[in-house]
Amino acid sequence: MPISFTFKKCPGCGHEWKKREDLLKDKDLKINGYEANFESLGLGLLVFRHNCGSTFSLSVEGFNDLYKGPVYSERKTGSPECFGYCKKKDELKLCPAKCECAWVRELIQVINKMKG
Protein backbone atom coordinates (compact mmCIF):
# COMPACT_ATOMS: atom_id res chain seq x y z
CA MET A 1 0.00 0.00 0.00
CA PRO A 2 1.49 3.40 -0.98
CA ILE A 3 2.22 5.93 1.74
CA SER A 4 0.00 9.00 1.59
CA PHE A 5 1.60 12.26 2.64
CA THR A 6 -0.24 15.38 3.76
CA PHE A 7 1.61 18.70 3.94
CA LYS A 8 -1.02 20.25 6.24
CA LYS A 9 -4.49 19.40 7.48
CA CYS A 10 -6.97 22.11 8.51
CA PRO A 11 -7.67 21.72 12.23
CA GLY A 12 -11.26 22.90 11.73
CA CYS A 13 -12.73 21.13 8.72
CA GLY A 14 -10.07 18.51 8.01
CA HIS A 15 -9.28 19.76 4.49
CA GLU A 16 -5.89 18.41 3.41
CA TRP A 17 -3.22 20.02 1.32
CA LYS A 18 -1.07 17.21 -0.06
CA LYS A 19 1.79 19.51 -1.10
CA ARG A 20 2.97 22.97 -0.13
CA GLU A 21 2.11 24.14 -3.65
CA ASP A 22 -1.53 23.10 -3.10
CA LEU A 23 -1.67 25.23 0.03
CA LEU A 24 -0.03 28.19 -1.72
CA LYS A 25 -2.54 28.13 -4.59
CA ASP A 26 -5.65 27.67 -2.44
CA LYS A 27 -7.76 30.83 -2.73
CA ASP A 28 -9.80 29.69 0.31
CA LEU A 29 -6.74 30.25 2.50
CA LYS A 30 -5.05 33.53 3.37
CA ILE A 31 -2.25 34.75 5.55
CA ASN A 32 -3.90 36.29 8.55
CA GLY A 33 -0.85 37.19 10.61
CA TYR A 34 2.82 36.83 11.37
CA GLU A 35 4.32 36.03 14.76
CA ALA A 36 7.98 37.03 14.71
CA ASN A 37 10.64 35.04 16.50
CA PHE A 38 13.42 37.56 16.99
CA GLU A 39 15.90 34.92 18.19
CA SER A 40 15.54 32.93 14.95
CA LEU A 41 13.49 34.55 12.19
CA GLY A 42 12.98 31.24 10.39
CA LEU A 43 11.12 29.96 13.43
CA GLY A 44 8.59 32.79 13.19
CA LEU A 45 5.07 31.72 12.33
CA LEU A 46 2.86 32.58 9.39
CA VAL A 47 -0.74 32.45 10.58
CA PHE A 48 -3.21 31.21 7.96
CA ARG A 49 -7.00 31.47 8.00
CA HIS A 50 -9.08 28.92 6.09
CA ASN A 51 -12.53 29.79 4.75
CA CYS A 52 -14.05 27.40 7.32
CA GLY A 53 -12.99 29.93 9.97
CA SER A 54 -10.09 27.97 11.43
CA THR A 55 -6.59 29.32 11.78
CA PHE A 56 -3.28 27.51 11.93
CA SER A 57 0.39 28.43 11.87
CA LEU A 58 3.32 27.24 9.82
CA SER A 59 6.98 28.04 10.32
CA VAL A 60 8.48 30.71 8.06
CA GLU A 61 11.44 28.43 7.34
CA GLY A 62 9.13 26.15 5.35
CA PHE A 63 8.65 28.97 2.85
CA ASN A 64 11.92 30.91 2.89
CA ASP A 65 13.06 29.39 -0.43
CA LEU A 66 10.32 31.43 -2.15
CA TYR A 67 12.08 34.71 -1.33
CA LYS A 68 14.94 35.66 -3.65
CA GLY A 69 15.67 39.25 -2.54
CA PRO A 70 18.19 40.80 -0.19
CA VAL A 71 18.53 39.72 3.41
CA TYR A 72 20.06 42.36 5.65
CA SER A 73 22.34 41.36 8.49
CA GLU A 74 21.50 44.15 10.94
CA ARG A 75 18.30 44.16 12.97
CA LYS A 76 16.65 47.59 13.31
CA THR A 77 13.95 46.53 15.80
CA GLY A 78 13.31 49.36 18.25
CA SER A 79 15.50 51.84 16.38
CA PRO A 80 14.26 55.11 14.84
CA GLU A 81 14.23 53.30 11.46
CA CYS A 82 11.84 50.61 12.76
CA PHE A 83 8.14 50.86 11.96
CA GLY A 84 7.26 48.21 14.57
CA TYR A 85 5.38 46.02 12.11
CA CYS A 86 6.94 42.77 13.36
CA LYS A 87 5.58 43.40 16.84
CA LYS A 88 2.01 43.53 15.50
CA LYS A 89 0.74 40.07 14.61
CA ASP A 90 -1.97 41.35 12.26
CA GLU A 91 0.24 43.84 10.38
CA LEU A 92 1.33 42.37 7.05
CA LYS A 93 2.63 45.47 5.22
CA LEU A 94 6.03 45.66 3.63
CA CYS A 95 8.60 47.28 5.85
CA PRO A 96 10.83 49.91 4.22
CA ALA A 97 13.61 49.51 6.82
CA LYS A 98 16.78 47.74 5.69
CA CYS A 99 16.42 45.36 8.59
CA GLU A 100 17.22 41.71 9.17
CA CYS A 101 13.47 41.12 9.65
CA ALA A 102 12.33 42.77 6.39
CA TRP A 103 12.70 39.68 4.20
CA VAL A 104 9.87 37.90 6.03
CA ARG A 105 7.50 40.76 5.20
CA GLU A 106 8.61 40.49 1.56
CA LEU A 107 7.98 36.74 1.72
CA ILE A 108 4.41 37.37 2.88
CA GLN A 109 3.86 39.48 -0.25
CA VAL A 110 5.32 36.73 -2.46
CA ILE A 111 2.94 34.18 -0.95
CA ASN A 112 -0.04 36.52 -1.32
CA LYS A 113 0.78 37.05 -5.03
CA MET A 114 0.89 33.27 -5.55
CA LYS A 115 -2.66 33.09 -4.24
CA GLY A 116 -3.82 35.55 -6.91
C-alpha atoms as a PDB file:
ATOM      1  CA  MET A   1       0.000   0.000   0.000  1.00  0.00           C
ATOM      2  CA  PRO A   2       1.485   3.403  -0.983  1.00  0.00           C
ATOM      3  CA  ILE A   3       2.223   5.928   1.740  1.00  0.00           C
ATOM      4  CA  SER A   4      -0.004   9.000   1.593  1.00  0.00           C
ATOM      5  CA  PHE A   5       1.602  12.262   2.640  1.00  0.00           C
ATOM      6  CA  THR A   6      -0.241  15.377   3.756  1.00  0.00           C
ATOM      7  CA  PHE A   7       1.605  18.704   3.937  1.00  0.00           C
ATOM      8  CA  LYS A   8      -1.025  20.251   6.240  1.00  0.00           C
ATOM      9  CA  LYS A   9      -4.494  19.403   7.476  1.00  0.00           C
ATOM     10  CA  CYS A  10      -6.968  22.106   8.510  1.00  0.00           C
ATOM     11  CA  PRO A  11      -7.668  21.724  12.227  1.00  0.00           C
ATOM     12  CA  GLY A  12     -11.257  22.898  11.726  1.00  0.00           C
ATOM     13  CA  CYS A  13     -12.729  21.126   8.723  1.00  0.00           C
ATOM     14  CA  GLY A  14     -10.067  18.512   8.012  1.00  0.00           C
ATOM     15  CA  HIS A  15      -9.278  19.757   4.490  1.00  0.00           C
ATOM     16  CA  GLU A  16      -5.893  18.405   3.409  1.00  0.00           C
ATOM     17  CA  TRP A  17      -3.216  20.022   1.319  1.00  0.00           C
ATOM     18  CA  LYS A  18      -1.074  17.213  -0.058  1.00  0.00           C
ATOM     19  CA  LYS A  19       1.785  19.513  -1.099  1.00  0.00           C
ATOM     20  CA  ARG A  20       2.967  22.966  -0.127  1.00  0.00           C
ATOM     21  CA  GLU A  21       2.109  24.136  -3.652  1.00  0.00           C
ATOM     22  CA  ASP A  22      -1.525  23.101  -3.098  1.00  0.00           C
ATOM     23  CA  LEU A  23      -1.667  25.230   0.027  1.00  0.00           C
ATOM     24  CA  LEU A  24      -0.035  28.187  -1.722  1.00  0.00           C
ATOM     25  CA  LYS A  25      -2.538  28.127  -4.593  1.00  0.00           C
ATOM     26  CA  ASP A  26      -5.652  27.674  -2.439  1.00  0.00           C
ATOM     27  CA  LYS A  27      -7.758  30.827  -2.726  1.00  0.00           C
ATOM     28  CA  ASP A  28      -9.797  29.688   0.313  1.00  0.00           C
ATOM     29  CA  LEU A  29      -6.744  30.247   2.504  1.00  0.00           C
ATOM     30  CA  LYS A  30      -5.053  33.532   3.366  1.00  0.00           C
ATOM     31  CA  ILE A  31      -2.246  34.745   5.546  1.00  0.00           C
ATOM     32  CA  ASN A  32      -3.902  36.291   8.555  1.00  0.00           C
ATOM     33  CA  GLY A  33      -0.846  37.192  10.610  1.00  0.00           C
ATOM     34  CA  TYR A  34       2.825  36.832  11.370  1.00  0.00           C
ATOM     35  CA  GLU A  35       4.316  36.033  14.763  1.00  0.00           C
ATOM     36  CA  ALA A  36       7.976  37.029  14.713  1.00  0.00           C
ATOM     37  CA  ASN A  37      10.636  35.040  16.503  1.00  0.00           C
ATOM     38  CA  PHE A  38      13.417  37.564  16.989  1.00  0.00           C
ATOM     39  CA  GLU A  39      15.897  34.922  18.188  1.00  0.00           C
ATOM     40  CA  SER A  40      15.541  32.927  14.955  1.00  0.00           C
ATOM     41  CA  LEU A  41      13.492  34.549  12.186  1.00  0.00           C
ATOM     42  CA  GLY A  42      12.982  31.238  10.391  1.00  0.00           C
ATOM     43  CA  LEU A  43      11.118  29.964  13.427  1.00  0.00           C
ATOM     44  CA  GLY A  44       8.591  32.787  13.195  1.00  0.00           C
ATOM     45  CA  LEU A  45       5.068  31.718  12.328  1.00  0.00           C
ATOM     46  CA  LEU A  46       2.860  32.576   9.390  1.00  0.00           C
ATOM     47  CA  VAL A  47      -0.737  32.449  10.577  1.00  0.00           C
ATOM     48  CA  PHE A  48      -3.206  31.206   7.963  1.00  0.00           C
ATOM     49  CA  ARG A  49      -6.999  31.468   8.005  1.00  0.00           C
ATOM     50  CA  HIS A  50      -9.076  28.924   6.089  1.00  0.00           C
ATOM     51  CA  ASN A  51     -12.526  29.785   4.755  1.00  0.00           C
ATOM     52  CA  CYS A  52     -14.053  27.398   7.323  1.00  0.00           C
ATOM     53  CA  GLY A  53     -12.992  29.935   9.969  1.00  0.00           C
ATOM     54  CA  SER A  54     -10.086  27.973  11.426  1.00  0.00           C
ATOM     55  CA  THR A  55      -6.586  29.319  11.777  1.00  0.00           C
ATOM     56  CA  PHE A  56      -3.277  27.511  11.931  1.00  0.00           C
ATOM     57  CA  SER A  57       0.392  28.433  11.875  1.00  0.00           C
ATOM     58  CA  LEU A  58       3.321  27.237   9.823  1.00  0.00           C
ATOM     59  CA  SER A  59       6.979  28.039  10.323  1.00  0.00           C
ATOM     60  CA  VAL A  60       8.479  30.713   8.062  1.00  0.00           C
ATOM     61  CA  GLU A  61      11.436  28.428   7.340  1.00  0.00           C
ATOM     62  CA  GLY A  62       9.125  26.154   5.351  1.00  0.00           C
ATOM     63  CA  PHE A  63       8.651  28.973   2.846  1.00  0.00           C
ATOM     64  CA  ASN A  64      11.915  30.911   2.885  1.00  0.00           C
ATOM     65  CA  ASP A  65      13.058  29.388  -0.430  1.00  0.00           C
ATOM     66  CA  LEU A  66      10.316  31.432  -2.148  1.00  0.00           C
ATOM     67  CA  TYR A  67      12.079  34.713  -1.333  1.00  0.00           C
ATOM     68  CA  LYS A  68      14.942  35.659  -3.649  1.00  0.00           C
ATOM     69  CA  GLY A  69      15.670  39.246  -2.544  1.00  0.00           C
ATOM     70  CA  PRO A  70      18.188  40.800  -0.191  1.00  0.00           C
ATOM     71  CA  VAL A  71      18.534  39.721   3.412  1.00  0.00           C
ATOM     72  CA  TYR A  72      20.061  42.362   5.646  1.00  0.00           C
ATOM     73  CA  SER A  73      22.339  41.364   8.491  1.00  0.00           C
ATOM     74  CA  GLU A  74      21.500  44.155  10.936  1.00  0.00           C
ATOM     75  CA  ARG A  75      18.295  44.157  12.969  1.00  0.00           C
ATOM     76  CA  LYS A  76      16.650  47.589  13.312  1.00  0.00           C
ATOM     77  CA  THR A  77      13.952  46.534  15.802  1.00  0.00           C
ATOM     78  CA  GLY A  78      13.311  49.360  18.252  1.00  0.00           C
ATOM     79  CA  SER A  79      15.505  51.845  16.379  1.00  0.00           C
ATOM     80  CA  PRO A  80      14.256  55.109  14.836  1.00  0.00           C
ATOM     81  CA  GLU A  81      14.227  53.295  11.458  1.00  0.00           C
ATOM     82  CA  CYS A  82      11.837  50.613  12.759  1.00  0.00           C
ATOM     83  CA  PHE A  83       8.142  50.861  11.958  1.00  0.00           C
ATOM     84  CA  GLY A  84       7.265  48.210  14.573  1.00  0.00           C
ATOM     85  CA  TYR A  85       5.377  46.017  12.108  1.00  0.00           C
ATOM     86  CA  CYS A  86       6.943  42.772  13.361  1.00  0.00           C
ATOM     87  CA  LYS A  87       5.585  43.397  16.840  1.00  0.00           C
ATOM     88  CA  LYS A  88       2.006  43.531  15.503  1.00  0.00           C
ATOM     89  CA  LYS A  89       0.738  40.068  14.612  1.00  0.00           C
ATOM     90  CA  ASP A  90      -1.969  41.353  12.257  1.00  0.00           C
ATOM     91  CA  GLU A  91       0.243  43.839  10.383  1.00  0.00           C
ATOM     92  CA  LEU A  92       1.329  42.373   7.047  1.00  0.00           C
ATOM     93  CA  LYS A  93       2.627  45.470   5.224  1.00  0.00           C
ATOM     94  CA  LEU A  94       6.029  45.656   3.633  1.00  0.00           C
ATOM     95  CA  CYS A  95       8.596  47.281   5.852  1.00  0.00           C
ATOM     96  CA  PRO A  96      10.826  49.909   4.220  1.00  0.00           C
ATOM     97  CA  ALA A  97      13.611  49.505   6.819  1.00  0.00           C
ATOM     98  CA  LYS A  98      16.775  47.742   5.686  1.00  0.00           C
ATOM     99  CA  CYS A  99      16.419  45.361   8.589  1.00  0.00           C
ATOM    100  CA  GLU A 100      17.216  41.707   9.169  1.00  0.00           C
ATOM    101  CA  CYS A 101      13.470  41.124   9.646  1.00  0.00           C
ATOM    102  CA  ALA A 102      12.329  42.772   6.390  1.00  0.00           C
ATOM    103  CA  TRP A 103      12.696  39.679   4.202  1.00  0.00           C
ATOM    104  CA  VAL A 104       9.868  37.902   6.031  1.00  0.00           C
ATOM    105  CA  ARG A 105       7.505  40.756   5.199  1.00  0.00           C
ATOM    106  CA  GLU A 106       8.610  40.489   1.558  1.00  0.00           C
ATOM    107  CA  LEU A 107       7.983  36.735   1.722  1.00  0.00           C
ATOM    108  CA  ILE A 108       4.406  37.374   2.875  1.00  0.00           C
ATOM    109  CA  GLN A 109       3.857  39.484  -0.252  1.00  0.00           C
ATOM    110  CA  VAL A 110       5.322  36.734  -2.458  1.00  0.00           C
ATOM    111  CA  ILE A 111       2.936  34.185  -0.949  1.00  0.00           C
ATOM    112  CA  ASN A 112      -0.044  36.521  -1.324  1.00  0.00           C
ATOM    113  CA  LYS A 113       0.784  37.047  -5.026  1.00  0.00           C
ATOM    114  CA  MET A 114       0.894  33.269  -5.549  1.00  0.00           C
ATOM    115  CA  LYS A 115      -2.658  33.089  -4.239  1.00  0.00           C
ATOM    116  CA  GLY A 116      -3.819  35.553  -6.913  1.00  0.00           C
END
